[in-house]
Amino acid sequence: MRDKENAIAVFETKRIRRTWYNEEWWFSVVDVVGALTESSEPRRYWSDLKIKIKEEGGIEQYDKIVQLKLFAEDGKLRETDCSNTEGLFRIIQSIPSKKAEPFKLWLAKTGYERIQEIENPELLYSRAKRYYEIKGYSEDWIAKRIRGTIIRLDLTDEWNKRGIKKSKDYAILTDEISKATFDVTTKEHKIIKNLDPRFKNQNIRDNMTDVELVFTMLGELSTKEITKERDSKDFPNLKKDANDGGTVSGNARKELESIIKKKVVSKENRFDLTNRKRIEKH
């Protein structure tokens, strides 16, 4: 129940479903539409609005909309159109509503936690630590996961400053690091861990072992340092940096594998990691 409760935000008594994806909150667009309009059928309203946005040339907004699994009214997880804070601000502009400005303030306050975390990483640590403790991860794993999150945020901020704006470009660059680090794409990595790649909020990092997390950190940290040293700009150059950064980590991974005589990429997933902690306690 705690996971379900944490995935609900409330705006003026209206419940807004959300999920943690790509290190930020993503909100149900249908729920937002329901909170802003008087429509008795917010799904139909959103369907019509999508057509209108497309006709008006707002194709770029679709980079800010992804289908993620959220709990439906029947208690089951179902794929739902979701958007992050930036995307919602754009969508709200297309909705005539007297609640638009109060909602923007509410949304900004919700996103303010992210700003605080950038300014004070200790807040990120404490919030994330509580989140993973609830899920049953070990202290050592949590420390590595949070450190990796900070490294990841530093890298994506660097990419943003150098011209990367679209979600799909972030995904391609991330995949480039993964391929060079582990010799598998993010999608292939999920399959190895028995995750369904269609469900985007099944975060591969939440299913990594300690060793996989460490090599992921090395690949992303190396990429950031290479990018800064080269002062790279634009997607093609940043993609090369991502490959080179991942290669640094990949070479280290291969050297370790030659000594320990086994692959670093593991079938272990979140359930194995959290069950192991429970077994160790008893």
Protein backbone atom coordinates (compact mmCIF):
# COMPACT_ATOMS: atom_id res chain seq x y z
CA MET A 1 0.00 0.00 0.00
CA ARG A 2 2.83 2.40 0.66
CA ASP A 3 3.86 2.37 -3.03
CA LYS A 4 0.29 3.19 -4.09
CA GLU A 5 0.04 6.02 -1.56
CA ASN A 6 3.35 7.53 -2.65
CA ALA A 7 2.10 7.45 -6.26
CA ILE A 8 -0.84 9.77 -5.53
CA ALA A 9 -0.73 13.58 -5.35
CA VAL A 10 -3.77 15.72 -4.51
CA PHE A 11 -4.81 19.00 -6.14
CA GLU A 12 -7.96 20.59 -4.65
CA THR A 13 -9.34 17.18 -3.58
CA LYS A 14 -8.59 15.72 -7.03
CA ARG A 15 -6.29 12.68 -7.01
CA ILE A 16 -3.46 12.87 -9.53
CA ARG A 17 -1.69 9.57 -10.17
CA ARG A 18 2.05 9.74 -10.71
CA THR A 19 5.06 7.46 -11.05
CA TRP A 20 8.82 7.88 -10.64
CA TYR A 21 10.50 7.53 -14.07
CA ASN A 22 13.86 8.79 -15.39
CA GLU A 23 14.64 10.32 -11.98
CA GLU A 24 11.55 12.57 -11.88
CA TRP A 25 7.78 12.44 -11.32
CA TRP A 26 5.52 11.74 -14.30
CA PHE A 27 1.80 12.48 -13.90
CA SER A 28 -1.34 10.96 -15.46
CA VAL A 29 -2.46 13.40 -18.15
CA VAL A 30 -6.07 12.19 -17.91
CA ASP A 31 -6.08 12.92 -14.17
CA VAL A 32 -4.71 16.41 -14.80
CA VAL A 33 -7.39 17.03 -17.44
CA GLY A 34 -10.03 15.85 -14.97
CA ALA A 35 -8.70 18.24 -12.32
CA LEU A 36 -8.67 21.25 -14.66
CA THR A 37 -11.91 20.80 -16.59
CA GLU A 38 -15.56 20.22 -15.81
CA SER A 39 -15.64 17.36 -18.31
CA SER A 40 -17.50 14.24 -17.20
CA GLU A 41 -15.30 12.25 -19.61
CA PRO A 42 -11.71 13.42 -19.15
CA ARG A 43 -10.41 10.54 -21.31
CA ARG A 44 -12.52 11.72 -24.24
CA TYR A 45 -11.45 15.33 -23.56
CA TRP A 46 -7.78 14.30 -23.63
CA SER A 47 -8.27 12.23 -26.80
CA ASP A 48 -9.82 15.22 -28.58
CA LEU A 49 -7.15 17.57 -27.20
CA LYS A 50 -4.35 15.35 -28.55
CA ILE A 51 -5.86 15.63 -32.04
CA LYS A 52 -6.15 19.41 -31.68
CA ILE A 53 -2.54 19.74 -30.49
CA LYS A 54 -1.34 17.68 -33.45
CA GLU A 55 -3.36 19.74 -35.93
CA GLU A 56 -1.89 22.94 -34.47
CA GLY A 57 1.64 21.67 -35.01
CA GLY A 58 2.43 20.70 -31.44
CA ILE A 59 4.14 17.45 -32.44
CA GLU A 60 7.12 18.17 -30.18
CA GLN A 61 4.82 17.78 -27.17
CA TYR A 62 4.63 14.06 -27.85
CA ASP A 63 8.28 13.77 -26.79
CA LYS A 64 6.98 14.70 -23.32
CA ILE A 65 4.25 12.04 -23.27
CA VAL A 66 5.02 8.40 -22.56
CA GLN A 67 2.86 5.44 -21.61
CA LEU A 68 3.63 4.24 -18.09
CA LYS A 69 1.85 1.74 -15.86
CA LEU A 70 -0.32 3.29 -13.15
CA PHE A 71 -2.91 1.80 -10.82
CA ALA A 72 -6.42 2.05 -12.33
CA GLU A 73 -9.69 2.25 -10.39
CA ASP A 74 -9.94 -1.55 -10.41
CA GLY A 75 -6.58 -1.77 -8.61
CA LYS A 76 -4.74 -3.16 -11.64
CA LEU A 77 -1.71 -1.62 -13.32
CA ARG A 78 -2.58 -0.22 -16.75
CA GLU A 79 -0.62 1.77 -19.32
CA THR A 80 -1.53 5.45 -19.09
CA ASP A 81 -0.47 8.61 -20.93
CA CYS A 82 1.94 10.42 -18.60
CA SER A 83 3.96 13.61 -18.80
CA ASN A 84 6.61 15.26 -16.67
CA THR A 85 6.35 18.78 -15.28
CA GLU A 86 7.69 20.46 -18.42
CA GLY A 87 5.26 18.59 -20.65
CA LEU A 88 2.28 19.33 -18.43
CA PHE A 89 2.98 23.07 -18.52
CA ARG A 90 2.69 22.89 -22.32
CA ILE A 91 -0.52 20.83 -22.19
CA ILE A 92 -2.11 23.17 -19.65
CA GLN A 93 -1.65 26.06 -22.12
CA SER A 94 -4.10 24.25 -24.43
CA ILE A 95 -6.80 23.88 -21.75
CA PRO A 96 -9.09 26.88 -21.06
CA SER A 97 -9.57 26.64 -17.32
CA LYS A 98 -9.78 29.05 -14.40
CA LYS A 99 -7.84 26.45 -12.44
CA ALA A 100 -4.84 26.61 -14.81
CA GLU A 101 -2.82 29.11 -12.81
CA PRO A 102 -3.44 27.48 -9.39
CA PHE A 103 -2.51 24.15 -10.93
CA LYS A 104 0.71 25.57 -12.35
CA LEU A 105 1.63 26.81 -8.87
CA TRP A 106 0.80 23.39 -7.41
CA LEU A 107 2.87 21.68 -10.08
CA ALA A 108 5.79 24.06 -9.53
CA LYS A 109 5.67 23.31 -5.80
CA THR A 110 5.67 19.59 -6.54
CA GLY A 111 8.69 20.05 -8.80
CA TYR A 112 10.39 22.29 -6.24
CA GLU A 113 11.58 19.18 -4.43
CA ARG A 114 13.73 18.46 -7.49
CA ILE A 115 15.26 21.96 -7.36
CA GLN A 116 15.99 21.54 -3.66
CA GLU A 117 17.68 18.22 -4.35
CA ILE A 118 19.96 19.79 -6.96
CA GLU A 119 20.96 22.50 -4.49
CA ASN A 120 21.23 20.10 -1.56
CA PRO A 121 21.97 16.46 -2.57
CA GLU A 122 21.41 15.38 1.05
CA LEU A 123 17.66 15.86 0.47
CA LEU A 124 17.83 13.57 -2.54
CA TYR A 125 19.66 11.02 -0.45
CA SER A 126 17.16 11.07 2.43
CA ARG A 127 14.07 10.89 0.19
CA ALA A 128 15.47 8.16 -2.02
CA LYS A 129 16.75 6.23 0.99
CA ARG A 130 13.26 6.10 2.51
CA TYR A 131 11.81 5.03 -0.84
CA TYR A 132 14.20 2.09 -1.28
CA GLU A 133 14.01 1.06 2.38
CA ILE A 134 10.26 0.64 1.96
CA LYS A 135 10.90 -1.62 -1.02
CA GLY A 136 13.31 -3.75 1.03
CA TYR A 137 16.75 -3.06 -0.47
CA SER A 138 19.95 -3.40 1.58
CA GLU A 139 21.81 -0.36 2.95
CA ASP A 140 24.86 -1.03 0.75
CA TRP A 141 22.74 -1.30 -2.39
CA ILE A 142 20.82 1.89 -1.53
CA ALA A 143 24.05 3.86 -1.08
CA LYS A 144 25.29 2.80 -4.53
CA ARG A 145 21.92 3.45 -6.17
CA ILE A 146 21.70 6.97 -4.77
CA ARG A 147 25.28 7.80 -5.68
CA GLY A 148 24.52 6.57 -9.18
CA THR A 149 21.45 8.82 -9.32
CA ILE A 150 23.54 11.89 -8.49
CA ILE A 151 26.07 10.97 -11.18
CA ARG A 152 23.22 10.41 -13.63
CA LEU A 153 21.68 13.83 -12.87
CA ASP A 154 25.04 15.52 -13.34
CA LEU A 155 25.38 13.85 -16.75
CA THR A 156 21.88 14.71 -17.96
CA ASP A 157 22.32 18.30 -16.80
CA GLU A 158 25.54 18.41 -18.84
CA TRP A 159 23.73 17.01 -21.88
CA ASN A 160 20.95 19.55 -21.45
CA LYS A 161 23.44 22.44 -21.40
CA ARG A 162 24.95 21.09 -24.63
CA GLY A 163 21.75 20.95 -26.66
CA ILE A 164 19.95 17.73 -25.74
CA LYS A 165 16.25 18.43 -25.15
CA LYS A 166 14.21 15.47 -26.41
CA SER A 167 13.49 12.42 -24.26
CA LYS A 168 14.32 10.06 -27.11
CA ASP A 169 17.79 11.62 -27.50
CA TYR A 170 18.50 11.10 -23.79
CA ALA A 171 17.41 7.49 -24.23
CA ILE A 172 19.68 6.96 -27.26
CA LEU A 173 22.71 8.43 -25.48
CA THR A 174 22.01 6.33 -22.38
CA ASP A 175 21.72 3.22 -24.56
CA GLU A 176 25.05 4.05 -26.18
CA ILE A 177 26.73 3.97 -22.75
CA SER A 178 24.94 0.72 -21.86
CA LYS A 179 26.02 -1.04 -25.07
CA ALA A 180 29.64 -0.03 -24.60
CA THR A 181 29.61 -0.87 -20.88
CA PHE A 182 27.76 -4.20 -20.87
CA ASP A 183 27.64 -5.27 -24.55
CA VAL A 184 23.84 -5.21 -24.28
CA THR A 185 21.24 -2.51 -24.88
CA THR A 186 18.96 -1.35 -22.09
CA LYS A 187 16.12 -3.36 -23.66
CA GLU A 188 18.28 -6.51 -23.82
CA HIS A 189 19.41 -5.95 -20.24
CA LYS A 190 15.76 -5.86 -19.13
CA ILE A 191 15.02 -9.10 -20.96
CA ILE A 192 17.97 -10.82 -19.27
CA LYS A 193 16.48 -9.78 -15.92
CA ASN A 194 13.05 -11.07 -16.93
CA LEU A 195 11.55 -7.57 -17.09
CA ASP A 196 9.07 -6.55 -19.75
CA PRO A 197 10.70 -3.80 -21.89
CA ARG A 198 7.24 -2.44 -22.80
CA PHE A 199 6.79 -1.16 -19.26
CA LYS A 200 8.96 1.95 -19.20
CA ASN A 201 8.69 2.53 -15.47
CA GLN A 202 10.35 -0.81 -14.72
CA ASN A 203 13.63 0.95 -14.07
CA ILE A 204 16.59 -1.23 -15.05
CA ARG A 205 18.75 0.40 -12.37
CA ASP A 206 16.36 -0.67 -9.63
CA ASN A 207 17.02 -4.22 -10.79
CA MET A 208 20.82 -4.04 -11.03
CA THR A 209 23.24 -5.80 -8.72
CA ASP A 210 25.87 -3.82 -6.82
CA VAL A 211 28.49 -4.59 -9.48
CA GLU A 212 26.22 -3.55 -12.35
CA LEU A 213 25.48 -0.27 -10.57
CA VAL A 214 29.18 0.45 -10.11
CA PHE A 215 29.97 -0.08 -13.80
CA THR A 216 26.96 2.03 -14.79
CA MET A 217 28.30 4.84 -12.61
CA LEU A 218 31.77 4.51 -14.15
CA GLY A 219 30.36 4.67 -17.68
CA GLU A 220 28.27 7.76 -16.98
CA LEU A 221 30.94 9.56 -14.97
CA SER A 222 33.51 8.85 -17.71
CA THR A 223 31.10 10.16 -20.34
CA LYS A 224 30.58 13.42 -18.47
CA GLU A 225 34.33 13.97 -17.98
CA ILE A 226 35.06 13.20 -21.65
CA THR A 227 32.31 15.58 -22.78
CA LYS A 228 33.63 18.40 -20.59
CA GLU A 229 37.22 17.84 -21.72
CA ARG A 230 36.23 17.88 -25.40
CA ASP A 231 33.65 20.65 -24.87
CA SER A 232 31.33 18.65 -27.11
CA LYS A 233 28.09 20.05 -28.43
CA ASP A 234 25.20 18.63 -30.45
CA PHE A 235 23.92 15.09 -30.65
CA PRO A 236 26.50 13.36 -32.94
CA ASN A 237 29.46 14.49 -30.83
CA LEU A 238 27.71 13.66 -27.55
CA LYS A 239 26.87 10.21 -28.91
CA LYS A 240 30.56 9.58 -29.59
CA ASP A 241 31.38 10.74 -26.05
CA ALA A 242 28.77 8.33 -24.68
CA ASN A 243 30.33 5.45 -26.59
CA ASP A 244 33.82 6.38 -25.42
CA GLY A 245 32.70 6.79 -21.81
CA GLY A 246 30.94 3.46 -21.89
CA THR A 247 34.02 1.86 -23.43
CA VAL A 248 36.11 2.97 -20.46
CA SER A 249 33.70 1.12 -18.18
CA GLY A 250 33.35 -1.79 -20.60
CA ASN A 251 37.10 -2.39 -20.64
CA ALA A 252 37.17 -2.45 -16.84
CA ARG A 253 34.22 -4.82 -16.81
CA LYS A 254 35.92 -7.22 -19.23
CA GLU A 255 39.09 -7.21 -17.11
CA LEU A 256 37.08 -8.08 -14.01
CA GLU A 257 35.22 -10.86 -15.85
CA SER A 258 38.52 -12.38 -16.98
CA ILE A 259 39.60 -12.67 -13.34
CA ILE A 260 36.35 -13.77 -11.68
CA LYS A 261 35.42 -16.08 -14.61
CA LYS A 262 31.80 -14.99 -14.82
CA LYS A 263 29.67 -12.34 -16.48
CA VAL A 264 28.90 -9.08 -14.70
CA VAL A 265 25.46 -8.79 -16.32
CA SER A 266 23.24 -10.87 -14.05
CA LYS A 267 19.75 -12.36 -14.21
CA GLU A 268 19.14 -11.10 -10.66
CA ASN A 269 16.39 -8.51 -10.49
CA ARG A 270 14.66 -6.44 -7.83
CA PHE A 271 12.85 -9.42 -6.34
CA ASP A 272 16.07 -11.41 -5.96
CA LEU A 273 17.84 -8.43 -4.38
CA THR A 274 15.10 -7.66 -1.85
CA ASN A 275 14.39 -11.33 -1.04
CA ARG A 276 18.08 -11.85 -0.31
CA LYS A 277 17.91 -9.11 2.35
CA ARG A 278 14.88 -10.75 3.96
CA ILE A 279 16.65 -14.12 4.04
CA GLU A 280 19.79 -12.57 5.58
CA LYS A 281 17.65 -11.04 8.36
CA HIS A 282 16.29 -14.43 9.44
